[in-house]
C-alpha atoms as a PDB file:
ATOM      1  CA  MET A   1       0.000   0.000   0.000  1.00  0.00           C
ATOM      2  CA  THR A   2       1.123   3.481  -0.690  1.00  0.00           C
ATOM      3  CA  ALA A   3       1.646   5.487   2.464  1.00  0.00           C
ATOM      4  CA  HIS A   4      -0.005   8.905   2.492  1.00  0.00           C
ATOM      5  CA  SER A   5       1.360  11.816   4.497  1.00  0.00           C
ATOM      6  CA  SER A   6      -0.808  12.817   7.405  1.00  0.00           C
ATOM      7  CA  ILE A   7       0.991  16.116   7.983  1.00  0.00           C
ATOM      8  CA  SER A   8      -1.441  19.059   8.081  1.00  0.00           C
ATOM      9  CA  ARG A   9      -0.583  22.809   7.867  1.00  0.00           C
ATOM     10  CA  VAL A  10      -1.235  24.810  11.026  1.00  0.00           C
ATOM     11  CA  PRO A  11      -2.085  28.533  10.331  1.00  0.00           C
ATOM     12  CA  ALA A  12       0.600  30.931  11.719  1.00  0.00           C
ATOM     13  CA  VAL A  13      -0.476  33.454  14.321  1.00  0.00           C
ATOM     14  CA  ARG A  14       0.239  36.907  12.887  1.00  0.00           C
ATOM     15  CA  HIS A  15       1.163  39.710  15.280  1.00  0.00           C
ATOM     16  CA  THR A  16       2.503  42.103  12.656  1.00  0.00           C
ATOM     17  CA  SER A  17      -0.554  44.309  12.357  1.00  0.00           C
ATOM     18  CA  ARG A  18      -0.839  44.575  16.136  1.00  0.00           C
ATOM     19  CA  HIS A  19       2.798  45.657  16.408  1.00  0.00           C
ATOM     20  CA  ILE A  20       2.324  48.237  13.688  1.00  0.00           C
ATOM     21  CA  ARG A  21      -0.685  49.671  15.474  1.00  0.00           C
ATOM     22  CA  SER A  22       1.256  49.854  18.746  1.00  0.00           C
ATOM     23  CA  LEU A  23       4.227  51.557  17.111  1.00  0.00           C
ATOM     24  CA  ALA A  24       1.954  53.988  15.310  1.00  0.00           C
ATOM     25  CA  LEU A  25       0.221  54.869  18.564  1.00  0.00           C
ATOM     26  CA  LEU A  26       3.551  55.330  20.339  1.00  0.00           C
ATOM     27  CA  SER A  27       4.863  57.507  17.509  1.00  0.00           C
ATOM     28  CA  PHE A  28       1.685  59.573  17.604  1.00  0.00           C
ATOM     29  CA  ILE A  29       2.078  60.105  21.353  1.00  0.00           C
ATOM     30  CA  ILE A  30       5.750  61.091  21.008  1.00  0.00           C
ATOM     31  CA  VAL A  31       4.992  63.511  18.174  1.00  0.00           C
ATOM     32  CA  GLY A  32       2.136  64.966  20.216  1.00  0.00           C
ATOM     33  CA  ILE A  33       4.390  65.487  23.239  1.00  0.00           C
ATOM     34  CA  LEU A  34       7.108  67.119  21.132  1.00  0.00           C
ATOM     35  CA  LEU A  35       4.567  69.326  19.378  1.00  0.00           C
ATOM     36  CA  ALA A  36       3.033  70.389  22.683  1.00  0.00           C
ATOM     37  CA  ALA A  37       6.490  71.081  24.131  1.00  0.00           C
ATOM     38  CA  GLY A  38       7.373  73.173  21.096  1.00  0.00           C
ATOM     39  CA  ILE A  39       4.165  75.186  21.311  1.00  0.00           C
ATOM     40  CA  LEU A  40       4.555  75.748  25.050  1.00  0.00           C
ATOM     41  CA  THR A  41       8.197  76.728  24.539  1.00  0.00           C
ATOM     42  CA  PHE A  42       7.414  79.440  22.013  1.00  0.00           C
ATOM     43  CA  ILE A  43       4.441  80.683  24.023  1.00  0.00           C
ATOM     44  CA  ARG A  44       6.650  81.028  27.105  1.00  0.00           C
ATOM     45  CA  ALA A  45       9.444  82.628  25.064  1.00  0.00           C
ATOM     46  CA  SER A  46       7.013  85.133  23.558  1.00  0.00           C
ATOM     47  CA  SER A  47       5.691  85.949  27.017  1.00  0.00           C
ATOM     48  CA  LEU A  48       9.195  86.620  28.340  1.00  0.00           C
ATOM     49  CA  MET A  49      10.235  88.706  25.353  1.00  0.00           C
ATOM     50  CA  GLN A  50       7.082  90.834  25.408  1.00  0.00           C
ATOM     51  CA  ALA A  51       6.938  91.358  29.170  1.00  0.00           C
ATOM     52  CA  PRO A  52       6.803  95.102  29.932  1.00  0.00           C
ATOM     53  CA  SER A  53       9.827  96.773  31.471  1.00  0.00           C
ATOM     54  CA  ARG A  54       9.750  98.864  34.621  1.00  0.00           C
ATOM     55  CA  GLU A  55       8.390 102.305  33.837  1.00  0.00           C
ATOM     56  CA  LEU A  56      10.727 105.261  34.026  1.00  0.00           C
ATOM     57  CA  GLU A  57      10.120 106.960  37.359  1.00  0.00           C
ATOM     58  CA  THR A  58       8.983 110.556  37.525  1.00  0.00           C
ATOM     59  CA  PHE A  59      11.378 112.755  39.455  1.00  0.00           C
ATOM     60  CA  SER A  60      12.657 116.260  39.861  1.00  0.00           C
ATOM     61  CA  SER A  61      15.414 116.834  37.320  1.00  0.00           C
ATOM     62  CA  ASN A  62      17.656 118.422  39.952  1.00  0.00           C
ATOM     63  CA  ILE A  63      18.405 115.042  41.545  1.00  0.00           C
ATOM     64  CA  LEU A  64      20.439 114.100  38.463  1.00  0.00           C
ATOM     65  CA  PRO A  65      23.569 115.759  37.114  1.00  0.00           C
ATOM     66  CA  ASP A  66      23.017 118.012  34.104  1.00  0.00           C
ATOM     67  CA  PHE A  67      22.090 115.992  31.043  1.00  0.00           C
ATOM     68  CA  GLN A  68      21.085 116.275  27.410  1.00  0.00           C
ATOM     69  CA  LEU A  69      18.307 114.311  25.746  1.00  0.00           C
ATOM     70  CA  ALA A  70      19.656 111.501  23.588  1.00  0.00           C
ATOM     71  CA  GLY A  71      17.857 109.809  20.720  1.00  0.00           C
ATOM     72  CA  PHE A  72      19.206 107.515  18.024  1.00  0.00           C
ATOM     73  CA  PRO A  73      18.162 104.530  15.878  1.00  0.00           C
ATOM     74  CA  SER A  74      19.311 100.998  16.542  1.00  0.00           C
ATOM     75  CA  LEU A  75      21.816  99.338  14.257  1.00  0.00           C
ATOM     76  CA  ASP A  76      19.164  98.334  11.718  1.00  0.00           C
ATOM     77  CA  GLU A  77      17.760 101.889  11.681  1.00  0.00           C
ATOM     78  CA  GLN A  78      14.302 100.455  12.473  1.00  0.00           C
ATOM     79  CA  THR A  79      13.992 101.052  16.221  1.00  0.00           C
ATOM     80  CA  GLN A  80      14.275 104.460  17.869  1.00  0.00           C
ATOM     81  CA  LEU A  81      16.112 104.448  21.192  1.00  0.00           C
ATOM     82  CA  SER A  82      15.941 107.114  23.898  1.00  0.00           C
ATOM     83  CA  GLY A  83      18.186 108.138  26.751  1.00  0.00           C
ATOM     84  CA  TRP A  84      20.205 110.833  28.484  1.00  0.00           C
ATOM     85  CA  PHE A  85      23.758 111.974  27.930  1.00  0.00           C
ATOM     86  CA  PHE A  86      25.576 113.275  31.007  1.00  0.00           C
ATOM     87  CA  PRO A  87      28.689 115.351  30.214  1.00  0.00           C
ATOM     88  CA  ALA A  88      31.723 114.776  32.410  1.00  0.00           C
ATOM     89  CA  ALA A  89      32.536 117.245  35.161  1.00  0.00           C
ATOM     90  CA  GLY A  90      35.612 118.833  33.659  1.00  0.00           C
ATOM     91  CA  GLU A  91      37.780 117.511  30.837  1.00  0.00           C
ATOM     92  CA  PRO A  92      36.289 114.122  29.854  1.00  0.00           C
ATOM     93  CA  VAL A  93      38.478 111.035  30.031  1.00  0.00           C
ATOM     94  CA  SER A  94      36.121 108.711  28.168  1.00  0.00           C
ATOM     95  CA  THR A  95      32.415 107.899  27.909  1.00  0.00           C
ATOM     96  CA  ILE A  96      30.721 105.129  29.880  1.00  0.00           C
ATOM     97  CA  ILE A  97      27.631 103.552  28.316  1.00  0.00           C
ATOM     98  CA  LEU A  98      25.225 102.038  30.861  1.00  0.00           C
ATOM     99  CA  VAL A  99      23.454  98.900  29.570  1.00  0.00           C
ATOM    100  CA  HIS A 100      20.576  97.876  31.822  1.00  0.00           C
ATOM    101  CA  ASP A 101      19.145  94.480  32.741  1.00  0.00           C
ATOM    102  CA  GLN A 102      16.101  92.824  31.164  1.00  0.00           C
ATOM    103  CA  GLY A 103      12.907  94.446  32.432  1.00  0.00           C
ATOM    104  CA  GLU A 104      14.675  97.595  33.629  1.00  0.00           C
ATOM    105  CA  ASN A 105      15.324 100.954  31.977  1.00  0.00           C
ATOM    106  CA  ARG A 106      18.041 103.607  31.725  1.00  0.00           C
ATOM    107  CA  LEU A 107      17.931 104.022  35.524  1.00  0.00           C
ATOM    108  CA  GLN A 108      19.035 100.512  36.503  1.00  0.00           C
ATOM    109  CA  PHE A 109      18.734 101.285  40.224  1.00  0.00           C
ATOM    110  CA  GLY A 110      15.784 103.635  39.967  1.00  0.00           C
ATOM    111  CA  LEU A 111      16.403 107.022  41.543  1.00  0.00           C
ATOM    112  CA  ASP A 112      19.439 105.565  43.329  1.00  0.00           C
ATOM    113  CA  SER A 113      21.104 105.563  39.902  1.00  0.00           C
ATOM    114  CA  ALA A 114      21.664 109.300  40.356  1.00  0.00           C
ATOM    115  CA  SER A 115      24.508 108.723  42.819  1.00  0.00           C
ATOM    116  CA  LEU A 116      26.220 106.250  40.465  1.00  0.00           C
ATOM    117  CA  ILE A 117      25.987 108.636  37.525  1.00  0.00           C
ATOM    118  CA  GLU A 118      27.200 111.553  39.644  1.00  0.00           C
ATOM    119  CA  PHE A 119      30.114 109.433  40.860  1.00  0.00           C
ATOM    120  CA  LEU A 120      31.142 108.584  37.288  1.00  0.00           C
ATOM    121  CA  THR A 121      30.816 112.123  35.934  1.00  0.00           C
ATOM    122  CA  GLY A 122      32.749 113.362  38.972  1.00  0.00           C
ATOM    123  CA  LEU A 123      35.634 111.137  37.874  1.00  0.00           C
ATOM    124  CA  HIS A 124      35.574 112.990  34.535  1.00  0.00           C
ATOM    125  CA  PHE A 125      33.668 110.374  32.558  1.00  0.00           C
ATOM    126  CA  SER A 126      30.743 111.288  30.358  1.00  0.00           C
ATOM    127  CA  VAL A 127      27.830 108.860  30.731  1.00  0.00           C
ATOM    128  CA  LEU A 128      25.177 107.667  28.291  1.00  0.00           C
ATOM    129  CA  ALA A 129      22.187 106.061  30.024  1.00  0.00           C
ATOM    130  CA  PHE A 130      19.633 104.791  27.521  1.00  0.00           C
ATOM    131  CA  ASP A 131      16.670 102.449  27.229  1.00  0.00           C
ATOM    132  CA  LEU A 132      17.251  99.286  25.234  1.00  0.00           C
ATOM    133  CA  ARG A 133      14.550  98.196  22.802  1.00  0.00           C
ATOM    134  CA  HIS A 134      11.134  97.458  24.335  1.00  0.00           C
ATOM    135  CA  SER A 135      12.212  99.276  27.500  1.00  0.00           C
ATOM    136  CA  GLY A 136      11.517 102.654  29.070  1.00  0.00           C
ATOM    137  CA  GLN A 137      10.779 105.198  26.353  1.00  0.00           C
ATOM    138  CA  SER A 138      12.465 103.306  23.519  1.00  0.00           C
ATOM    139  CA  GLU A 139      10.554 101.612  20.724  1.00  0.00           C
ATOM    140  CA  GLY A 140      10.426  97.889  20.029  1.00  0.00           C
ATOM    141  CA  LYS A 141       7.864  95.130  20.447  1.00  0.00           C
ATOM    142  CA  MET A 142      10.100  92.628  22.208  1.00  0.00           C
ATOM    143  CA  SER A 143      13.431  92.184  23.923  1.00  0.00           C
ATOM    144  CA  GLY A 144      15.880  89.325  23.739  1.00  0.00           C
ATOM    145  CA  TYR A 145      17.944  88.970  26.927  1.00  0.00           C
ATOM    146  CA  GLY A 146      20.992  90.296  25.075  1.00  0.00           C
ATOM    147  CA  TYR A 147      20.477  88.248  21.906  1.00  0.00           C
ATOM    148  CA  ALA A 148      18.858  91.268  20.201  1.00  0.00           C
ATOM    149  CA  GLU A 149      20.070  94.170  22.344  1.00  0.00           C
ATOM    150  CA  TRP A 150      23.701  93.868  21.265  1.00  0.00           C
ATOM    151  CA  ALA A 151      22.662  95.820  18.162  1.00  0.00           C
ATOM    152  CA  ASP A 152      21.377  98.615  20.417  1.00  0.00           C
ATOM    153  CA  VAL A 153      24.730  98.728  22.199  1.00  0.00           C
ATOM    154  CA  LEU A 154      26.590  99.134  18.911  1.00  0.00           C
ATOM    155  CA  ALA A 155      24.149 101.884  17.958  1.00  0.00           C
ATOM    156  CA  ALA A 156      24.845 103.597  21.290  1.00  0.00           C
ATOM    157  CA  ILE A 157      28.593 103.477  20.631  1.00  0.00           C
ATOM    158  CA  ARG A 158      27.992 104.907  17.160  1.00  0.00           C
ATOM    159  CA  TYR A 159      25.932 107.717  18.694  1.00  0.00           C
ATOM    160  CA  VAL A 160      28.543 108.559  21.341  1.00  0.00           C
ATOM    161  CA  ARG A 161      31.236 108.579  18.678  1.00  0.00           C
ATOM    162  CA  LYS A 162      29.289 111.286  16.840  1.00  0.00           C
ATOM    163  CA  ILE A 163      28.373 113.568  19.739  1.00  0.00           C
ATOM    164  CA  SER A 164      31.187 113.167  22.266  1.00  0.00           C
ATOM    165  CA  VAL A 165      34.682 114.621  22.226  1.00  0.00           C
ATOM    166  CA  THR A 166      36.057 111.417  23.781  1.00  0.00           C
ATOM    167  CA  THR A 167      37.893 108.907  21.613  1.00  0.00           C
ATOM    168  CA  ASP A 168      36.705 105.643  23.157  1.00  0.00           C
ATOM    169  CA  VAL A 169      34.012 104.133  25.378  1.00  0.00           C
ATOM    170  CA  LEU A 170      33.584 101.766  28.307  1.00  0.00           C
ATOM    171  CA  LEU A 171      30.586  99.422  28.445  1.00  0.00           C
ATOM    172  CA  PHE A 172      28.915  99.026  31.858  1.00  0.00           C
ATOM    173  CA  GLY A 173      26.510  96.084  31.702  1.00  0.00           C
ATOM    174  CA  PHE A 174      24.064  94.924  34.373  1.00  0.00           C
ATOM    175  CA  GLY A 175      22.662  91.377  34.226  1.00  0.00           C
ATOM    176  CA  THR A 176      21.501  90.718  30.672  1.00  0.00           C
ATOM    177  CA  GLY A 177      23.154  94.032  29.813  1.00  0.00           C
ATOM    178  CA  VAL A 178      26.405  92.113  30.296  1.00  0.00           C
ATOM    179  CA  SER A 179      25.316  89.736  27.533  1.00  0.00           C
ATOM    180  CA  ALA A 180      24.361  92.603  25.227  1.00  0.00           C
ATOM    181  CA  SER A 181      27.689  94.347  25.861  1.00  0.00           C
ATOM    182  CA  LEU A 182      29.902  91.300  25.343  1.00  0.00           C
ATOM    183  CA  ILE A 183      28.035  90.141  22.246  1.00  0.00           C
ATOM    184  CA  ALA A 184      28.305  93.667  20.822  1.00  0.00           C
ATOM    185  CA  LEU A 185      32.060  93.635  21.402  1.00  0.00           C
ATOM    186  CA  ASP A 186      32.350  90.212  19.800  1.00  0.00           C
ATOM    187  CA  GLN A 187      30.470  91.326  16.687  1.00  0.00           C
ATOM    188  CA  LEU A 188      33.047  94.040  15.994  1.00  0.00           C
ATOM    189  CA  PRO A 189      36.172  93.451  13.888  1.00  0.00           C
ATOM    190  CA  PRO A 190      39.404  92.835  15.832  1.00  0.00           C
ATOM    191  CA  ALA A 191      41.318  95.808  17.188  1.00  0.00           C
ATOM    192  CA  GLY A 192      43.164  97.721  14.488  1.00  0.00           C
ATOM    193  CA  LEU A 193      41.360  96.189  11.527  1.00  0.00           C
ATOM    194  CA  ALA A 194      39.118  99.175  10.778  1.00  0.00           C
ATOM    195  CA  ALA A 195      42.054 101.598  10.968  1.00  0.00           C
ATOM    196  CA  ASP A 196      44.211  99.406   8.729  1.00  0.00           C
ATOM    197  CA  ALA A 197      41.432  99.120   6.160  1.00  0.00           C
ATOM    198  CA  ALA A 198      40.885 102.896   6.238  1.00  0.00           C
ATOM    199  CA  ALA A 199      44.631 103.390   5.741  1.00  0.00           C
ATOM    200  CA  GLY A 200      44.513 101.377   2.523  1.00  0.00           C
ATOM    201  CA  SER A 201      45.518  97.866   3.611  1.00  0.00           C
ATOM    202  CA  MET A 202      44.083  95.471   1.014  1.00  0.00           C
ATOM    203  CA  GLU A 203      44.418  92.533   3.390  1.00  0.00           C
ATOM    204  CA  ALA A 204      42.511  94.328   6.169  1.00  0.00           C
ATOM    205  CA  ALA A 205      39.878  95.469   3.672  1.00  0.00           C
ATOM    206  CA  ALA A 206      39.376  91.882   2.512  1.00  0.00           C
ATOM    207  CA  VAL A 207      38.869  90.662   6.082  1.00  0.00           C
ATOM    208  CA  LEU A 208      36.535  93.560   6.854  1.00  0.00           C
ATOM    209  CA  GLU A 209      34.468  92.706   3.783  1.00  0.00           C
ATOM    210  CA  GLU A 210      33.451  89.442   5.465  1.00  0.00           C
ATOM    211  CA  TYR A 211      31.509  91.360   8.135  1.00  0.00           C
ATOM    212  CA  PRO A 212      27.862  92.405   7.632  1.00  0.00           C
ATOM    213  CA  GLU A 213      27.409  95.775   5.959  1.00  0.00           C
ATOM    214  CA  ALA A 214      25.927  97.343   9.096  1.00  0.00           C
ATOM    215  CA  ILE A 215      29.092  96.438  11.035  1.00  0.00           C
ATOM    216  CA  ARG A 216      31.434  97.647   8.289  1.00  0.00           C
ATOM    217  CA  LYS A 217      29.668 100.999   8.087  1.00  0.00           C
ATOM    218  CA  LEU A 218      30.280 101.697  11.788  1.00  0.00           C
ATOM    219  CA  GLY A 219      33.849 102.714  11.080  1.00  0.00           C
ATOM    220  CA  PHE A 220      35.283 101.378  14.355  1.00  0.00           C
ATOM    221  CA  ASP A 221      36.431  98.062  15.772  1.00  0.00           C
ATOM    222  CA  GLN A 222      37.044  96.454  19.166  1.00  0.00           C
ATOM    223  CA  SER A 223      39.785  98.961  19.972  1.00  0.00           C
ATOM    224  CA  TYR A 224      37.122 101.663  20.420  1.00  0.00           C
ATOM    225  CA  VAL A 225      35.937  99.840  23.568  1.00  0.00           C
ATOM    226  CA  CYS A 226      38.633 100.521  26.155  1.00  0.00           C
ATOM    227  CA  GLY A 227      37.024  98.829  29.170  1.00  0.00           C
ATOM    228  CA  LEU A 228      34.284  96.484  30.368  1.00  0.00           C
ATOM    229  CA  LEU A 229      32.374  96.857  33.635  1.00  0.00           C
ATOM    230  CA  LEU A 230      30.199  93.817  34.323  1.00  0.00           C
ATOM    231  CA  ASP A 231      27.693  93.518  37.157  1.00  0.00           C
ATOM    232  CA  THR A 232      26.676  89.865  37.673  1.00  0.00           C
ATOM    233  CA  PRO A 233      27.996  88.196  34.529  1.00  0.00           C
ATOM    234  CA  CYS A 234      27.555  84.483  33.851  1.00  0.00           C
ATOM    235  CA  GLU A 235      28.454  81.833  31.305  1.00  0.00           C
ATOM    236  CA  SER A 236      25.794  82.538  28.691  1.00  0.00           C
ATOM    237  CA  PRO A 237      22.730  84.696  27.964  1.00  0.00           C
ATOM    238  CA  ASP A 238      20.839  81.411  28.322  1.00  0.00           C
ATOM    239  CA  SER A 239      21.669  81.434  32.034  1.00  0.00           C
ATOM    240  CA  TYR A 240      19.570  84.567  32.597  1.00  0.00           C
ATOM    241  CA  ILE A 241      16.674  83.077  30.619  1.00  0.00           C
ATOM    242  CA  ARG A 242      16.789  79.787  32.516  1.00  0.00           C
ATOM    243  CA  ALA A 243      16.860  81.692  35.810  1.00  0.00           C
ATOM    244  CA  VAL A 244      13.631  83.521  34.961  1.00  0.00           C
ATOM    245  CA  CYS A 245      11.966  80.262  33.898  1.00  0.00           C
ATOM    246  CA  ARG A 246      12.964  78.616  37.177  1.00  0.00           C
ATOM    247  CA  GLN A 247      11.556  81.536  39.146  1.00  0.00           C
ATOM    248  CA  GLN A 248       8.195  81.026  37.445  1.00  0.00           C
ATOM    249  CA  GLY A 249       8.087  77.428  38.701  1.00  0.00           C
ATOM    250  CA  GLY A 250       5.794  74.719  37.340  1.00  0.00           C
ATOM    251  CA  LEU A 251       6.421  74.089  33.649  1.00  0.00           C
ATOM    252  CA  GLY A 252       9.174  76.663  33.762  1.00  0.00           C
ATOM    253  CA  LEU A 253      11.395  74.097  35.474  1.00  0.00           C
ATOM    254  CA  LEU A 254      11.200  71.977  32.307  1.00  0.00           C
ATOM    255  CA  LEU A 255      10.934  74.747  29.735  1.00  0.00           C
ATOM    256  CA  GLN A 256      14.127  76.395  31.026  1.00  0.00           C
ATOM    257  CA  TYR A 257      16.019  74.015  28.731  1.00  0.00           C
ATOM    258  CA  THR A 258      14.082  74.861  25.559  1.00  0.00           C
ATOM    259  CA  VAL A 259      12.986  78.494  25.935  1.00  0.00           C
ATOM    260  CA  PRO A 260      16.522  79.905  25.398  1.00  0.00           C
ATOM    261  CA  TYR A 261      16.589  78.323  21.938  1.00  0.00           C
ATOM    262  CA  ALA A 262      13.226  79.880  21.061  1.00  0.00           C
ATOM    263  CA  ILE A 263      14.405  83.306  22.209  1.00  0.00           C
ATOM    264  CA  ARG A 264      17.637  82.998  20.219  1.00  0.00           C
ATOM    265  CA  LEU A 265      15.622  82.059  17.152  1.00  0.00           C
ATOM    266  CA  SER A 266      13.131  84.895  17.618  1.00  0.00           C
ATOM    267  CA  ALA A 267      15.876  87.455  18.245  1.00  0.00           C
ATOM    268  CA  GLY A 268      17.716  86.730  15.008  1.00  0.00           C
ATOM    269  CA  ASN A 269      19.503  83.455  15.764  1.00  0.00           C
ATOM    270  CA  ILE A 270      23.111  84.576  16.063  1.00  0.00           C
ATOM    271  CA  GLY A 271      23.792  81.211  17.679  1.00  0.00           C
ATOM    272  CA  ARG A 272      24.482  80.112  21.232  1.00  0.00           C
ATOM    273  CA  ILE A 273      26.951  82.480  22.859  1.00  0.00           C
ATOM    274  CA  ASN A 274      29.592  81.580  25.428  1.00  0.00           C
ATOM    275  CA  LEU A 275      30.396  84.744  27.369  1.00  0.00           C
ATOM    276  CA  ILE A 276      33.405  83.132  29.049  1.00  0.00           C
ATOM    277  CA  THR A 277      35.038  82.633  25.662  1.00  0.00           C
ATOM    278  CA  ILE A 278      34.435  86.259  24.708  1.00  0.00           C
ATOM    279  CA  LEU A 279      35.732  87.547  28.031  1.00  0.00           C
ATOM    280  CA  THR A 280      38.901  85.452  28.110  1.00  0.00           C
ATOM    281  CA  ARG A 281      39.660  86.464  24.540  1.00  0.00           C
ATOM    282  CA  SER A 282      39.109  90.154  25.265  1.00  0.00           C
ATOM    283  CA  GLN A 283      42.134  92.364  25.879  1.00  0.00           C
ATOM    284  CA  GLN A 284      40.101  95.137  27.552  1.00  0.00           C
ATOM    285  CA  PRO A 285      40.517  95.709  31.314  1.00  0.00           C
ATOM    286  CA  VAL A 286      37.518  94.258  33.164  1.00  0.00           C
ATOM    287  CA  PHE A 287      35.666  95.137  36.384  1.00  0.00           C
ATOM    288  CA  ILE A 288      33.327  92.440  37.772  1.00  0.00           C
ATOM    289  CA  SER A 289      30.848  92.623  40.660  1.00  0.00           C
ATOM    290  CA  TYR A 290      28.692  89.765  41.950  1.00  0.00           C
ATOM    291  CA  SER A 291      27.241  88.161  45.087  1.00  0.00           C
ATOM    292  CA  ARG A 292      28.619  85.033  46.744  1.00  0.00           C
ATOM    293  CA  GLN A 293      24.983  84.081  47.389  1.00  0.00           C
ATOM    294  CA  GLY A 294      23.263  84.839  44.097  1.00  0.00           C
ATOM    295  CA  SER A 295      19.478  84.833  44.444  1.00  0.00           C
ATOM    296  CA  ARG A 296      18.741  84.456  40.721  1.00  0.00           C
ATOM    297  CA  ILE A 297      22.019  83.590  39.050  1.00  0.00           C
ATOM    298  CA  GLU A 298      23.947  80.912  40.923  1.00  0.00           C
ATOM    299  CA  ALA A 299      27.292  82.193  42.195  1.00  0.00           C
ATOM    300  CA  ASP A 300      28.956  79.099  40.715  1.00  0.00           C
ATOM    301  CA  GLU A 301      28.214  80.345  37.212  1.00  0.00           C
ATOM    302  CA  THR A 302      29.896  83.671  37.857  1.00  0.00           C
ATOM    303  CA  ASP A 303      32.720  82.013  39.801  1.00  0.00           C
ATOM    304  CA  LEU A 304      33.635  79.966  36.732  1.00  0.00           C
ATOM    305  CA  LEU A 305      33.707  83.042  34.527  1.00  0.00           C
ATOM    306  CA  VAL A 306      35.807  84.981  37.044  1.00  0.00           C
ATOM    307  CA  ARG A 307      38.301  82.128  37.474  1.00  0.00           C
ATOM    308  CA  GLU A 308      38.806  81.837  33.731  1.00  0.00           C
ATOM    309  CA  ARG A 309      39.184  85.581  33.279  1.00  0.00           C
ATOM    310  CA  LEU A 310      41.740  85.776  36.111  1.00  0.00           C
ATOM    311  CA  ARG A 311      43.616  82.793  34.700  1.00  0.00           C
ATOM    312  CA  PHE A 312      44.149  84.554  31.380  1.00  0.00           C
ATOM    313  CA  HIS A 313      44.240  88.221  32.445  1.00  0.00           C
ATOM    314  CA  PRO A 314      45.029  88.551  36.175  1.00  0.00           C
ATOM    315  CA  ASP A 315      46.648  91.972  35.839  1.00  0.00           C
ATOM    316  CA  THR A 316      43.732  93.639  34.045  1.00  0.00           C
ATOM    317  CA  THR A 317      40.826  92.235  36.048  1.00  0.00           C
ATOM    318  CA  ALA A 318      39.263  93.774  39.175  1.00  0.00           C
ATOM    319  CA  VAL A 319      36.664  91.795  41.134  1.00  0.00           C
ATOM    320  CA  HIS A 320      34.178  93.077  43.716  1.00  0.00           C
ATOM    321  CA  VAL A 321      32.420  90.286  45.642  1.00  0.00           C
ATOM    322  CA  TYR A 322      29.823  90.942  48.339  1.00  0.00           C
ATOM    323  CA  ASP A 323      28.371  88.509  50.868  1.00  0.00           C
ATOM    324  CA  GLU A 324      24.728  89.590  50.966  1.00  0.00           C
ATOM    325  CA  PRO A 325      22.376  87.431  48.880  1.00  0.00           C
ATOM    326  CA  GLY A 326      20.879  89.164  45.880  1.00  0.00           C
ATOM    327  CA  TYR A 327      20.923  89.872  42.178  1.00  0.00           C
ATOM    328  CA  LEU A 328      22.513  93.121  40.977  1.00  0.00           C
ATOM    329  CA  GLU A 329      22.505  94.336  44.572  1.00  0.00           C
ATOM    330  CA  GLY A 330      26.185  95.183  44.999  1.00  0.00           C
ATOM    331  CA  PHE A 331      25.756  98.886  44.350  1.00  0.00           C
ATOM    332  CA  LEU A 332      22.797  99.151  46.734  1.00  0.00           C
ATOM    333  CA  LEU A 333      23.988  96.831  49.523  1.00  0.00           C
ATOM    334  CA  ASP A 334      27.736  97.461  49.477  1.00  0.00           C
ATOM    335  CA  GLN A 335      27.913 100.888  47.874  1.00  0.00           C
ATOM    336  CA  GLU A 336      31.055 102.164  49.567  1.00  0.00           C
ATOM    337  CA  ASN A 337      33.187  99.187  48.525  1.00  0.00           C
ATOM    338  CA  TYR A 338      31.506  98.976  45.124  1.00  0.00           C
ATOM    339  CA  LEU A 339      32.334 102.585  44.282  1.00  0.00           C
ATOM    340  CA  GLU A 340      35.830 102.395  45.731  1.00  0.00           C
ATOM    341  CA  MET A 341      36.693  99.410  43.536  1.00  0.00           C
ATOM    342  CA  LEU A 342      35.165 101.215  40.572  1.00  0.00           C
ATOM    343  CA  ARG A 343      37.319 104.233  41.353  1.00  0.00           C
ATOM    344  CA  GLN A 344      40.486 102.153  41.538  1.00  0.00           C
ATOM    345  CA  TYR A 345      39.670 100.351  38.305  1.00  0.00           C
ATOM    346  CA  LEU A 346      38.867 103.538  36.384  1.00  0.00           C
ATOM    347  CA  GLN A 347      41.882 105.438  37.684  1.00  0.00           C
ATOM    348  CA  GLN A 348      44.241 102.566  36.931  1.00  0.00           C
ATOM    349  CA  PHE A 349      43.040 101.695  33.455  1.00  0.00           C
ATOM    350  CA  SER A 350      41.371 104.857  32.149  1.00  0.00           C
ATOM    351  CA  GLY A 351      42.856 107.672  34.178  1.00  0.00           C
END
């Protein structure tokens, strides 16, 4: 007899479609989370950038040294900026440009700013105090924690160069004004390049040609900034943004890692900036003030910057550290020492 096979085919259990559905659902959830995070990030960034600044206080003009009204456009000629120019008492040594913190105005310390301005003019420095974009009486729909304001700082230098008899400037930044000041310096051509190009150097002219037209038209380079005064600097402009997000609590604790990117993008996306790199590369004499117990910016962040600056430029760096907890409180809480160190710095490096 012929044997017949009794083997029968058993249908395979197919899980493929179930796996596809699971992966599709997981992908949908991940995309949804990322989309929601992106939306929340830009909403929070927009809120921070459009937050109103402190209004300029009304006061009797006799509490301030004599001043002239100042008005000039930002670097792109699109935003009108306002401020006051205080002539030096006597023959001017140089001009100090005050660059305020996010949310403040030309009077960083309110009416207490009068004593700082009077101190500086008394040392024979002219002073320009002005409102950055979207602050005080200046125009602008949003601010950028330094990522946009650097253009205002360059415009302020351009303005001082036109109206003042001094031949250089010092930048005095407070908080995010530090970021704006250092980024502005970094956007300028290296010291001597503008002069060499103006003198006919083809090589210098070729290098200068690589800079944006608005920078080339300024007619000055990093050598025009003869000093940097920095109140509460830190590693990056992102540090100030993250600090504000943390203060808001809740989602801000998570969004602190994404909001800085959104603000950089909205402000023109000049890229992530490392202020330590700029400061260690800078040849200008530097004055730094900060608290050992920072209430907004952790002291560790400033400590790192100070250590690196001192490592590269110990002879041209002056540091004022105060023990009281706070943010930008050195002038108010430790005024005598603050001003004395300022005096020593200015007399040594600009006298």
